[in-house]
Amino acid sequence: MRLKFVTLLMVVVVCVGVTITVLRFGVGVLEDNFVAQLSTHYESSAQFMAFYGLLNLYIFTMAYVYSPSERALMGE
């Protein structure tokens, strides 16, 4: 069950990340000079909060999924 959840979560995060990247930098994102064109300026705080909120949600969810169960903590 955990593996299915982690896989689904990873697919959602990758899809949202790729969508944000394509919308932000355009379709020609894989050109030679991609790194030179990167910009860290956001048009609004909502863009910043959405992107980093997604990453934080992913990290917290992964920490919860990989935390030991109650039985493992009790030594059973």
C-alpha atoms as a PDB file:
ATOM      1  CA  MET A   1       0.000   0.000   0.000  1.00  0.00           C
ATOM      2  CA  ARG A   2       2.808   2.407   0.885  1.00  0.00           C
ATOM      3  CA  LEU A   3       4.606   1.758  -2.403  1.00  0.00           C
ATOM      4  CA  LYS A   4       1.471   2.570  -4.417  1.00  0.00           C
ATOM      5  CA  PHE A   5       0.947   5.769  -2.429  1.00  0.00           C
ATOM      6  CA  VAL A   6       4.580   6.874  -2.805  1.00  0.00           C
ATOM      7  CA  THR A   7       4.511   6.125  -6.535  1.00  0.00           C
ATOM      8  CA  LEU A   8       1.288   8.080  -7.050  1.00  0.00           C
ATOM      9  CA  LEU A   9       2.603  11.003  -4.997  1.00  0.00           C
ATOM     10  CA  MET A  10       5.852  11.062  -6.987  1.00  0.00           C
ATOM     11  CA  VAL A  11       3.958  11.048 -10.297  1.00  0.00           C
ATOM     12  CA  VAL A  12       1.762  13.951  -9.164  1.00  0.00           C
ATOM     13  CA  VAL A  13       4.752  15.998  -7.957  1.00  0.00           C
ATOM     14  CA  VAL A  14       6.728  15.340 -11.152  1.00  0.00           C
ATOM     15  CA  CYS A  15       3.748  16.274 -13.354  1.00  0.00           C
ATOM     16  CA  VAL A  16       3.106  19.503 -11.451  1.00  0.00           C
ATOM     17  CA  GLY A  17       6.823  20.340 -11.465  1.00  0.00           C
ATOM     18  CA  VAL A  18       7.144  19.770 -15.210  1.00  0.00           C
ATOM     19  CA  THR A  19       3.984  21.785 -15.850  1.00  0.00           C
ATOM     20  CA  ILE A  20       5.259  24.710 -13.777  1.00  0.00           C
ATOM     21  CA  THR A  21       8.642  24.571 -15.531  1.00  0.00           C
ATOM     22  CA  VAL A  22       7.121  24.497 -19.021  1.00  0.00           C
ATOM     23  CA  LEU A  23       4.684  27.319 -18.225  1.00  0.00           C
ATOM     24  CA  ARG A  24       7.427  29.411 -16.623  1.00  0.00           C
ATOM     25  CA  PHE A  25      10.245  28.904 -19.147  1.00  0.00           C
ATOM     26  CA  GLY A  26       8.428  27.841 -22.318  1.00  0.00           C
ATOM     27  CA  VAL A  27       8.590  24.826 -24.559  1.00  0.00           C
ATOM     28  CA  GLY A  28      12.245  25.376 -25.539  1.00  0.00           C
ATOM     29  CA  VAL A  29      13.367  24.650 -21.988  1.00  0.00           C
ATOM     30  CA  LEU A  30      15.817  21.935 -23.020  1.00  0.00           C
ATOM     31  CA  GLU A  31      18.058  24.169 -25.120  1.00  0.00           C
ATOM     32  CA  ASP A  32      21.809  24.477 -24.499  1.00  0.00           C
ATOM     33  CA  ASN A  33      21.509  27.731 -22.578  1.00  0.00           C
ATOM     34  CA  PHE A  34      18.751  26.654 -20.181  1.00  0.00           C
ATOM     35  CA  VAL A  35      20.813  27.405 -17.073  1.00  0.00           C
ATOM     36  CA  ALA A  36      21.639  30.897 -18.323  1.00  0.00           C
ATOM     37  CA  GLN A  37      17.919  31.656 -18.771  1.00  0.00           C
ATOM     38  CA  LEU A  38      16.828  30.597 -15.283  1.00  0.00           C
ATOM     39  CA  SER A  39      15.179  33.315 -13.268  1.00  0.00           C
ATOM     40  CA  THR A  40      14.269  33.223  -9.603  1.00  0.00           C
ATOM     41  CA  HIS A  41      11.941  36.222  -9.717  1.00  0.00           C
ATOM     42  CA  TYR A  42       8.295  35.390  -9.132  1.00  0.00           C
ATOM     43  CA  GLU A  43       5.434  37.542 -10.389  1.00  0.00           C
ATOM     44  CA  SER A  44       3.488  37.092  -7.172  1.00  0.00           C
ATOM     45  CA  SER A  45       3.847  35.496  -3.785  1.00  0.00           C
ATOM     46  CA  ALA A  46       1.195  32.946  -4.797  1.00  0.00           C
ATOM     47  CA  GLN A  47       3.580  31.390  -7.335  1.00  0.00           C
ATOM     48  CA  PHE A  48       6.323  31.156  -4.728  1.00  0.00           C
ATOM     49  CA  MET A  49       4.006  29.648  -2.112  1.00  0.00           C
ATOM     50  CA  ALA A  50       2.490  27.159  -4.563  1.00  0.00           C
ATOM     51  CA  PHE A  51       5.839  25.839  -5.777  1.00  0.00           C
ATOM     52  CA  TYR A  52       7.574  25.588  -2.410  1.00  0.00           C
ATOM     53  CA  GLY A  53       4.403  24.430  -0.682  1.00  0.00           C
ATOM     54  CA  LEU A  54       4.226  21.525  -3.124  1.00  0.00           C
ATOM     55  CA  LEU A  55       7.827  20.589  -2.395  1.00  0.00           C
ATOM     56  CA  ASN A  56       7.311  20.834   1.374  1.00  0.00           C
ATOM     57  CA  LEU A  57       4.150  18.741   1.193  1.00  0.00           C
ATOM     58  CA  TYR A  58       6.084  16.089  -0.724  1.00  0.00           C
ATOM     59  CA  ILE A  59       8.912  16.031   1.832  1.00  0.00           C
ATOM     60  CA  PHE A  60       6.578  15.874   4.850  1.00  0.00           C
ATOM     61  CA  THR A  61       4.510  13.130   3.222  1.00  0.00           C
ATOM     62  CA  MET A  62       7.626  11.110   2.444  1.00  0.00           C
ATOM     63  CA  ALA A  63       8.790  11.482   6.062  1.00  0.00           C
ATOM     64  CA  TYR A  64       5.407  10.215   7.283  1.00  0.00           C
ATOM     65  CA  VAL A  65       5.313   7.306   4.838  1.00  0.00           C
ATOM     66  CA  TYR A  66       8.812   6.111   5.732  1.00  0.00           C
ATOM     67  CA  SER A  67       8.454   6.592   9.496  1.00  0.00           C
ATOM     68  CA  PRO A  68       8.380   3.365  11.486  1.00  0.00           C
ATOM     69  CA  SER A  69       5.026   1.996  12.563  1.00  0.00           C
ATOM     70  CA  GLU A  70       3.852   1.832  16.175  1.00  0.00           C
ATOM     71  CA  ARG A  71       4.573  -1.910  16.306  1.00  0.00           C
ATOM     72  CA  ALA A  72       8.148  -1.375  15.161  1.00  0.00           C
ATOM     73  CA  LEU A  73       8.667   1.199  17.904  1.00  0.00           C
ATOM     74  CA  MET A  74       7.320  -1.153  20.579  1.00  0.00           C
ATOM     75  CA  GLY A  75       9.663  -3.954  19.471  1.00  0.00           C
ATOM     76  CA  GLU A  76       6.989  -6.469  18.494  1.00  0.00           C
END
